[in-house]
Amino acid sequence: MLYNHECLPDERTERLARSARRHLERCCEREPVVVTRAPGRLEVLGGHTDYNEGFVTAIATEQATVVAAAPRDDSLVRAWSDCNESEAEFDLRRLDEGPWGAWWDYPAGVCAQLLKAGCDLPGADLVVVSDVPVGGGISSSAALEVSTAIAMAELAGCEIEPEPLALLCQRAENEYVGMRCGILDQFSSIFARPGGVLWLDCRTLERRIVRLSDESVRFVVCDTNRPRELVGSAYNERREQCERAADLLGVRALRDADANYLAAHGKLLDDTLLRRARHVISENARVQAGVRAIERGDVETLGELLNASHVSLRDDYEVSCAELEAMRNAALAAPGCLGARLVGAGFGGCVMALVQAERVDEFAAQVGHQYEAETALRAEIFATRPSDGAGLVVKH
């Protein structure tokens, strides 16, 4: 059947959808046939474990990307984004001319994969409206991919289930954009649900929602406003290092080694590969420990695991930077903070803090002031809750 998960109505989604509809009417004098929503994702634990076939935990953010779409009677896709108010146009028959190194590579890559999957796509007028921070490490790219994929598949009447949809969007990013991401982002955007944390086994694709019963804490996103260029960064290099380490250790993926195995066989690795492997192996263990902490409502232990994850990402995986360290230090010094870590690929972007709910405003004010004083950059700080996964907002 067609992807048919309907988004839970909320004020934020309705506001984004109204904005998308208005622009489609202004720019194209069209009413949308379909409006879709896909959230960003906030990785709780599991930094760089997904492409190592390991374990991850994440929530969908309240912040999301909405796409309003209407079909055309030709093969052109015209797309407009409110991110930089730029327009794009590409021809579905000439997608081999891309990628172009621009935001529309993600919709174009999704269209390429849908066509490869046998979907008879029409041309379309698309409007993209989003409040997911771009380049912040909470997966604005996956939100764009998933919302576009659902919209285009609906216009085509193409049958696609949620799991194949997530894998299709991952392939679009891997093969068209050139970013060798794992499956964390797309699966979180689709399968996360309110009230809990998504646990995912990235090898078997087994997943479940771990109920987050403690309402005394909030996840707070602290955006450094230092953007990243992941395709041109060390992200792909880190993945290649992990693959080399697994090969030298004689395992299919680093998921298959534990601390004892690494202690026995680590001499096969040089210092850099040893540190990369140590991070992945210890992070997989932290994910599982984090699930147990969430299940028993132990937010203090969860905060300690977040702190240990950051140290490992910084020292063993080497994906932090001065701005992320300044932000995390400010977070740890602020009232109500139980733990904090960089999220996403690193090299810039966001720190996530686990904060006592009644102190979120105080926390945000102090962190913003301290970070700006140290870096001369203005932080964007907001709290978010586990939100619903991607789905349809409107279908006519």
Foldseek 3Di string as FASTA:
>chain_A
DAFFDAFDDDPVVVVQVVVFQVVCCVPPVDGFQFKWKWFFKFWLFQAPQLLLLFKTKIFGWPWIKMKGKDFDQAQKAWEAEPPVRDIDIDGLVPLVVDDPPDLCLLLSLLSVLCVVVPQPFGHMYMYMYTPDDAQFQRCPSLRVNLNSNSRRCVRRVHHDYQVVSLVSSQCSCCPRVPFNDGSVGNCNRAPFAFQFMWMARSNVRDIDTQGQPDPQKFKKKKALPPGDDRNPDCLVVLSVLQCVLCVQLVHRGLNPDAPVSCVVRVVSDDQLSSLSSVLNRVSSVLNVVLSVCSNVNNVLVSQVSQAVNQVSCCPSVNQEDPSAVQLQVQLVPFPFWSHKHRHHNHVGHIIITIGGPVCQVRSVVRSQVSSCVVPVTGIDMDTTGRHHHMHTHDHD
